[in-house]
């Protein structure tokens, strides 16, 4: 089972994406801010991190830099899921080359899961044909 760490301070976003990812067979851990996220990343070594940018205590840009700077986390994929502040091409988090970027207002659990599956090399299970 692949492990996803959701680093997000909005409880509604956490509930929506955690439920969707768990239904698709992922183990999902949650960190409510970047500082807690960094601690969990070091302990857990998740397969993928879904990362907000604007959070209390430690922002997502610093967390992504932290992941990139640690050799033991080299294989960790990171998807940024945040607000419109990342849309600017000069955004510092984009300069760190995350593996995926989604605006919260335009992302659905299906879009996010599709990108996660792509990054982790997981094939979507085929849905059996319904009898006519």
N, C-alpha and C. Protein backbone atom coordinates (compact mmCIF):
# COMPACT_ATOMS: atom_id res chain seq x y z
N UNK A 1 0.84 -1.17 0.00
CA UNK A 1 0.00 0.00 0.00
C UNK A 1 0.89 1.24 0.00
N UNK A 2 0.60 2.16 -0.90
CA UNK A 2 1.36 3.40 -1.00
C UNK A 2 0.87 4.39 0.05
N UNK A 3 1.82 5.17 0.59
CA UNK A 3 1.50 6.13 1.63
C UNK A 3 1.57 7.55 1.09
N UNK A 4 0.51 8.30 1.36
CA UNK A 4 0.40 9.69 0.96
C UNK A 4 0.37 10.54 2.23
N UNK A 5 1.18 11.59 2.26
CA UNK A 5 1.10 12.57 3.35
C UNK A 5 0.43 13.81 2.81
N UNK A 6 -0.67 14.20 3.43
CA UNK A 6 -1.40 15.40 3.07
C UNK A 6 -1.04 16.48 4.07
N UNK A 7 -0.30 17.50 3.59
CA UNK A 7 0.12 18.61 4.46
C UNK A 7 -0.79 19.78 4.14
N UNK A 8 -1.78 19.97 5.00
CA UNK A 8 -2.87 20.91 4.72
C UNK A 8 -3.49 21.38 6.02
N UNK A 9 -3.77 22.69 6.13
CA UNK A 9 -4.33 23.23 7.35
C UNK A 9 -5.85 23.43 7.30
N UNK A 10 -6.47 23.23 6.16
CA UNK A 10 -7.91 23.41 6.03
C UNK A 10 -8.61 22.06 6.27
N UNK A 11 -9.38 21.93 7.36
CA UNK A 11 -9.98 20.64 7.69
C UNK A 11 -10.96 20.12 6.64
N UNK A 12 -11.61 21.00 5.91
CA UNK A 12 -12.54 20.55 4.87
C UNK A 12 -11.77 19.93 3.72
N UNK A 13 -10.70 20.56 3.29
CA UNK A 13 -9.85 20.02 2.22
C UNK A 13 -9.29 18.66 2.67
N UNK A 14 -8.82 18.59 3.91
CA UNK A 14 -8.29 17.33 4.44
C UNK A 14 -9.35 16.23 4.36
N UNK A 15 -10.55 16.52 4.81
CA UNK A 15 -11.62 15.52 4.82
C UNK A 15 -11.93 15.03 3.41
N UNK A 16 -12.06 15.94 2.46
CA UNK A 16 -12.42 15.58 1.09
C UNK A 16 -11.35 14.69 0.46
N UNK A 17 -10.10 15.13 0.52
CA UNK A 17 -9.04 14.39 -0.17
C UNK A 17 -8.61 13.13 0.58
N UNK A 18 -8.61 13.17 1.90
CA UNK A 18 -8.26 11.96 2.65
C UNK A 18 -9.25 10.85 2.35
N UNK A 19 -10.54 11.17 2.39
CA UNK A 19 -11.57 10.16 2.11
C UNK A 19 -11.43 9.60 0.70
N UNK A 20 -11.24 10.48 -0.27
CA UNK A 20 -11.11 10.03 -1.67
C UNK A 20 -9.89 9.15 -1.86
N UNK A 21 -8.78 9.52 -1.27
CA UNK A 21 -7.55 8.74 -1.43
C UNK A 21 -7.65 7.39 -0.70
N UNK A 22 -8.24 7.39 0.48
CA UNK A 22 -8.41 6.13 1.20
C UNK A 22 -9.32 5.17 0.46
N UNK A 23 -10.38 5.69 -0.16
CA UNK A 23 -11.28 4.83 -0.96
C UNK A 23 -10.54 4.21 -2.14
N UNK A 24 -9.49 4.85 -2.59
CA UNK A 24 -8.73 4.33 -3.72
C UNK A 24 -7.54 3.48 -3.26
N UNK A 25 -7.50 3.16 -1.97
CA UNK A 25 -6.52 2.20 -1.47
C UNK A 25 -5.22 2.77 -0.95
N UNK A 26 -5.13 4.08 -0.79
CA UNK A 26 -3.91 4.67 -0.24
C UNK A 26 -3.99 4.77 1.27
N UNK A 27 -2.83 4.64 1.92
CA UNK A 27 -2.74 4.98 3.33
C UNK A 27 -2.50 6.48 3.37
N UNK A 28 -3.30 7.22 4.11
CA UNK A 28 -3.20 8.67 4.14
C UNK A 28 -2.90 9.15 5.55
N UNK A 29 -1.82 9.90 5.67
CA UNK A 29 -1.46 10.56 6.92
C UNK A 29 -1.66 12.06 6.70
N UNK A 30 -1.91 12.80 7.77
CA UNK A 30 -2.19 14.23 7.66
C UNK A 30 -1.30 15.01 8.61
N UNK A 31 -0.79 16.14 8.11
CA UNK A 31 -0.07 17.11 8.94
C UNK A 31 -0.77 18.45 8.76
N UNK A 32 -1.09 19.11 9.86
CA UNK A 32 -1.85 20.35 9.80
C UNK A 32 -1.01 21.59 9.52
N UNK A 33 0.29 21.45 9.49
CA UNK A 33 1.17 22.57 9.13
C UNK A 33 2.50 22.03 8.62
N UNK A 34 3.31 22.91 8.08
CA UNK A 34 4.57 22.49 7.48
C UNK A 34 5.56 21.91 8.48
N UNK A 35 5.59 22.43 9.67
CA UNK A 35 6.53 21.94 10.68
C UNK A 35 6.22 20.49 11.06
N UNK A 36 4.95 20.20 11.33
CA UNK A 36 4.53 18.83 11.62
C UNK A 36 4.78 17.95 10.39
N UNK A 37 4.51 18.51 9.21
CA UNK A 37 4.75 17.78 7.98
C UNK A 37 6.19 17.32 7.83
N UNK A 38 7.14 18.19 8.13
CA UNK A 38 8.55 17.81 8.01
C UNK A 38 8.90 16.69 8.98
N UNK A 39 8.36 16.73 10.18
CA UNK A 39 8.63 15.67 11.16
C UNK A 39 8.08 14.33 10.67
N UNK A 40 6.85 14.36 10.15
CA UNK A 40 6.24 13.12 9.65
C UNK A 40 6.99 12.60 8.43
N UNK A 41 7.41 13.48 7.56
CA UNK A 41 8.15 13.06 6.36
C UNK A 41 9.42 12.31 6.76
N UNK A 42 10.15 12.83 7.73
CA UNK A 42 11.38 12.16 8.17
C UNK A 42 11.11 10.81 8.82
N UNK A 43 10.01 10.70 9.56
CA UNK A 43 9.67 9.44 10.22
C UNK A 43 9.08 8.42 9.27
N UNK A 44 8.21 8.86 8.39
CA UNK A 44 7.39 7.98 7.58
C UNK A 44 7.96 7.67 6.20
N UNK A 45 8.72 8.62 5.64
CA UNK A 45 9.21 8.49 4.26
C UNK A 45 8.06 8.12 3.32
N UNK A 46 7.04 9.00 3.20
CA UNK A 46 5.88 8.68 2.37
C UNK A 46 6.28 8.56 0.89
N UNK A 47 5.46 7.87 0.14
CA UNK A 47 5.70 7.75 -1.30
C UNK A 47 5.45 9.07 -2.01
N UNK A 48 4.49 9.84 -1.49
CA UNK A 48 4.12 11.10 -2.12
C UNK A 48 3.58 12.05 -1.07
N UNK A 49 3.85 13.34 -1.26
CA UNK A 49 3.36 14.39 -0.38
C UNK A 49 2.47 15.31 -1.20
N UNK A 50 1.26 15.56 -0.69
CA UNK A 50 0.37 16.58 -1.25
C UNK A 50 0.52 17.78 -0.33
N UNK A 51 0.98 18.90 -0.88
CA UNK A 51 1.48 20.00 -0.07
C UNK A 51 0.78 21.32 -0.38
N UNK A 52 0.23 21.94 0.65
CA UNK A 52 -0.30 23.30 0.55
C UNK A 52 0.89 24.26 0.63
N UNK A 53 0.69 25.48 0.16
CA UNK A 53 1.78 26.48 0.24
C UNK A 53 1.62 27.36 1.46
N UNK A 54 0.46 27.98 1.62
CA UNK A 54 0.25 28.92 2.72
C UNK A 54 -0.30 28.19 3.93
N UNK A 55 0.58 28.01 4.92
CA UNK A 55 0.19 27.30 6.15
C UNK A 55 0.84 27.98 7.35
N UNK A 56 0.28 27.73 8.53
CA UNK A 56 0.90 28.27 9.74
C UNK A 56 2.23 27.56 10.05
N UNK A 57 3.06 28.22 10.78
CA UNK A 57 4.34 27.72 11.31
C UNK A 57 5.43 27.54 10.26
N UNK A 58 5.13 26.89 9.14
CA UNK A 58 6.14 26.64 8.11
C UNK A 58 5.42 26.52 6.78
N UNK A 59 5.80 27.34 5.80
CA UNK A 59 5.08 27.29 4.54
C UNK A 59 5.57 26.15 3.64
N UNK A 60 4.78 25.87 2.62
CA UNK A 60 5.05 24.75 1.73
C UNK A 60 6.34 24.88 0.94
N UNK A 61 6.73 26.11 0.62
CA UNK A 61 7.98 26.32 -0.12
C UNK A 61 9.16 25.79 0.69
N UNK A 62 9.18 26.10 1.97
CA UNK A 62 10.26 25.61 2.83
C UNK A 62 10.21 24.09 2.95
N UNK A 63 9.01 23.52 3.05
CA UNK A 63 8.88 22.06 3.17
C UNK A 63 9.40 21.38 1.90
N UNK A 64 9.06 21.91 0.73
CA UNK A 64 9.53 21.32 -0.52
C UNK A 64 11.05 21.41 -0.62
N UNK A 65 11.62 22.53 -0.23
CA UNK A 65 13.08 22.67 -0.22
C UNK A 65 13.71 21.65 0.73
N UNK A 66 13.10 21.47 1.90
CA UNK A 66 13.54 20.49 2.89
C UNK A 66 13.58 19.08 2.28
N UNK A 67 12.52 18.71 1.54
CA UNK A 67 12.47 17.39 0.90
C UNK A 67 13.58 17.25 -0.13
N UNK A 68 13.75 18.27 -0.97
CA UNK A 68 14.78 18.22 -2.02
C UNK A 68 16.20 18.18 -1.46
N UNK A 69 16.42 18.77 -0.30
CA UNK A 69 17.76 18.86 0.28
C UNK A 69 18.20 17.60 1.02
N UNK A 70 17.31 16.64 1.21
CA UNK A 70 17.65 15.43 1.97
C UNK A 70 17.78 14.23 1.05
N UNK A 71 19.00 13.65 0.98
CA UNK A 71 19.20 12.50 0.09
C UNK A 71 18.27 11.33 0.39
N UNK A 72 17.93 11.11 1.66
CA UNK A 72 17.07 9.99 2.01
C UNK A 72 15.63 10.17 1.54
N UNK A 73 15.29 11.38 1.08
CA UNK A 73 13.94 11.66 0.59
C UNK A 73 13.92 11.85 -0.92
N UNK A 74 15.00 11.48 -1.57
CA UNK A 74 15.15 11.74 -3.00
C UNK A 74 13.99 11.21 -3.85
N UNK A 75 13.46 10.06 -3.53
CA UNK A 75 12.39 9.47 -4.32
C UNK A 75 10.99 9.98 -3.97
N UNK A 76 10.89 10.88 -3.02
CA UNK A 76 9.59 11.37 -2.58
C UNK A 76 9.00 12.32 -3.62
N UNK A 77 7.85 11.98 -4.13
CA UNK A 77 7.15 12.84 -5.09
C UNK A 77 6.34 13.88 -4.32
N UNK A 78 6.20 15.09 -4.91
CA UNK A 78 5.46 16.17 -4.26
C UNK A 78 4.50 16.81 -5.25
N UNK A 79 3.25 16.88 -4.84
CA UNK A 79 2.23 17.61 -5.60
C UNK A 79 1.81 18.81 -4.75
N UNK A 80 1.88 19.99 -5.33
CA UNK A 80 1.43 21.20 -4.66
C UNK A 80 -0.05 21.39 -4.97
N UNK A 81 -0.84 21.53 -3.91
CA UNK A 81 -2.27 21.78 -4.01
C UNK A 81 -2.55 23.02 -3.19
N UNK A 82 -2.73 24.15 -3.88
CA UNK A 82 -2.83 25.40 -3.14
C UNK A 82 -3.75 26.38 -3.85
N UNK A 83 -3.76 27.62 -3.35
CA UNK A 83 -4.60 28.67 -3.90
C UNK A 83 -3.91 29.39 -5.04
N UNK A 84 -4.58 30.37 -5.59
CA UNK A 84 -4.12 31.08 -6.79
C UNK A 84 -2.75 31.73 -6.65
N UNK A 85 -2.23 31.86 -5.45
CA UNK A 85 -0.93 32.51 -5.28
C UNK A 85 0.19 31.77 -6.00
N UNK A 86 -0.01 30.51 -6.34
CA UNK A 86 1.02 29.76 -7.05
C UNK A 86 0.93 29.91 -8.56
N UNK A 87 -0.13 30.54 -9.04
CA UNK A 87 -0.33 30.67 -10.49
C UNK A 87 0.72 31.57 -11.12
N UNK A 88 1.28 32.48 -10.36
CA UNK A 88 2.30 33.39 -10.87
C UNK A 88 3.56 32.60 -11.22
N UNK A 89 4.05 32.75 -12.42
CA UNK A 89 5.23 32.01 -12.88
C UNK A 89 6.46 32.29 -12.02
N UNK A 90 6.48 33.40 -11.32
CA UNK A 90 7.61 33.73 -10.46
C UNK A 90 7.50 33.17 -9.05
N UNK A 91 6.50 32.35 -8.81
CA UNK A 91 6.28 31.80 -7.49
C UNK A 91 7.49 30.98 -7.04
N UNK A 92 7.99 31.21 -5.83
CA UNK A 92 9.17 30.47 -5.35
C UNK A 92 8.97 28.96 -5.33
N UNK A 93 7.75 28.50 -5.06
CA UNK A 93 7.54 27.05 -5.00
C UNK A 93 7.65 26.42 -6.39
N UNK A 94 7.25 27.14 -7.42
CA UNK A 94 7.38 26.61 -8.78
C UNK A 94 8.84 26.49 -9.19
N UNK A 95 9.68 27.37 -8.68
CA UNK A 95 11.11 27.30 -8.97
C UNK A 95 11.75 26.03 -8.41
N UNK A 96 11.09 25.38 -7.43
CA UNK A 96 11.60 24.15 -6.83
C UNK A 96 11.13 22.90 -7.57
N UNK A 97 10.42 23.08 -8.68
CA UNK A 97 10.00 21.99 -9.56
C UNK A 97 9.25 20.86 -8.86
N UNK A 98 8.08 21.16 -8.30
CA UNK A 98 7.28 20.06 -7.75
C UNK A 98 6.86 19.12 -8.88
N UNK A 99 6.47 17.92 -8.54
CA UNK A 99 6.08 16.92 -9.54
C UNK A 99 4.71 17.20 -10.14
N UNK A 100 3.93 18.01 -9.48
CA UNK A 100 2.61 18.40 -9.97
C UNK A 100 2.13 19.62 -9.23
N UNK A 101 1.27 20.40 -9.88
CA UNK A 101 0.73 21.61 -9.27
C UNK A 101 -0.75 21.71 -9.63
N UNK A 102 -1.58 21.89 -8.61
CA UNK A 102 -3.02 22.07 -8.82
C UNK A 102 -3.49 23.25 -7.99
N UNK A 103 -4.39 24.04 -8.56
CA UNK A 103 -5.08 25.06 -7.80
C UNK A 103 -6.27 24.39 -7.11
N UNK A 104 -6.46 24.69 -5.84
CA UNK A 104 -7.56 24.07 -5.10
C UNK A 104 -8.90 24.31 -5.78
N UNK A 105 -9.09 25.50 -6.32
CA UNK A 105 -10.37 25.85 -6.92
C UNK A 105 -10.65 25.07 -8.21
N UNK A 106 -9.62 24.45 -8.80
CA UNK A 106 -9.79 23.74 -10.06
C UNK A 106 -9.52 22.24 -9.96
N UNK A 107 -9.19 21.77 -8.78
CA UNK A 107 -8.82 20.37 -8.61
C UNK A 107 -9.97 19.57 -8.01
N UNK A 108 -10.10 18.35 -8.48
CA UNK A 108 -11.08 17.41 -7.91
C UNK A 108 -10.31 16.21 -7.38
N UNK A 109 -10.92 15.42 -6.52
CA UNK A 109 -10.24 14.20 -6.07
C UNK A 109 -9.84 13.29 -7.23
N UNK A 110 -10.65 13.24 -8.28
CA UNK A 110 -10.33 12.41 -9.44
C UNK A 110 -9.08 12.91 -10.15
N UNK A 111 -8.96 14.23 -10.34
CA UNK A 111 -7.76 14.80 -10.98
C UNK A 111 -6.52 14.53 -10.14
N UNK A 112 -6.64 14.76 -8.84
CA UNK A 112 -5.49 14.55 -7.96
C UNK A 112 -5.08 13.09 -7.94
N UNK A 113 -6.04 12.19 -7.83
CA UNK A 113 -5.73 10.76 -7.81
C UNK A 113 -5.09 10.32 -9.12
N UNK A 114 -5.57 10.84 -10.22
CA UNK A 114 -4.97 10.51 -11.51
C UNK A 114 -3.51 10.89 -11.58
N UNK A 115 -3.18 12.07 -11.09
CA UNK A 115 -1.78 12.52 -11.08
C UNK A 115 -0.95 11.67 -10.13
N UNK A 116 -1.51 11.34 -8.97
CA UNK A 116 -0.80 10.49 -8.00
C UNK A 116 -0.51 9.13 -8.64
N UNK A 117 -1.51 8.54 -9.26
CA UNK A 117 -1.31 7.25 -9.93
C UNK A 117 -0.23 7.34 -10.99
N UNK A 118 -0.24 8.40 -11.76
CA UNK A 118 0.78 8.61 -12.81
C UNK A 118 2.18 8.68 -12.19
N UNK A 119 2.32 9.48 -11.15
CA UNK A 119 3.64 9.67 -10.53
C UNK A 119 4.15 8.40 -9.84
N UNK A 120 3.24 7.60 -9.30
CA UNK A 120 3.64 6.39 -8.58
C UNK A 120 3.60 5.15 -9.46
N UNK A 121 3.25 5.33 -10.72
CA UNK A 121 3.24 4.20 -11.65
C UNK A 121 2.15 3.19 -11.35
N UNK A 122 1.00 3.68 -10.92
CA UNK A 122 -0.13 2.81 -10.57
C UNK A 122 -1.14 2.87 -11.71
N UNK A 123 -1.57 1.69 -12.15
CA UNK A 123 -2.62 1.62 -13.16
C UNK A 123 -3.97 1.69 -12.46
N UNK A 124 -4.87 2.44 -13.05
CA UNK A 124 -6.23 2.49 -12.51
C UNK A 124 -6.87 1.12 -12.67
N UNK A 125 -7.51 0.60 -11.65
CA UNK A 125 -8.19 -0.68 -11.82
C UNK A 125 -9.32 -0.53 -12.83
N UNK A 126 -9.47 -1.54 -13.64
CA UNK A 126 -10.54 -1.51 -14.63
C UNK A 126 -11.87 -1.75 -13.95
N UNK A 127 -12.85 -0.96 -14.34
CA UNK A 127 -14.20 -1.13 -13.81
C UNK A 127 -14.90 -2.16 -14.66
N UNK A 128 -15.42 -3.23 -14.05
CA UNK A 128 -16.10 -4.27 -14.84
C UNK A 128 -17.28 -3.69 -15.59
N UNK A 129 -17.51 -4.20 -16.79
CA UNK A 129 -18.65 -3.76 -17.59
C UNK A 129 -19.94 -4.15 -16.89
N UNK A 130 -20.90 -3.26 -16.92
CA UNK A 130 -22.20 -3.52 -16.32
C UNK A 130 -23.02 -4.39 -17.26
N UNK A 131 -23.70 -5.41 -16.75
CA UNK A 131 -24.54 -6.22 -17.63
C UNK A 131 -25.70 -5.39 -18.19
N UNK A 132 -26.06 -5.69 -19.42
CA UNK A 132 -27.16 -4.94 -20.07
C UNK A 132 -28.49 -5.55 -19.75
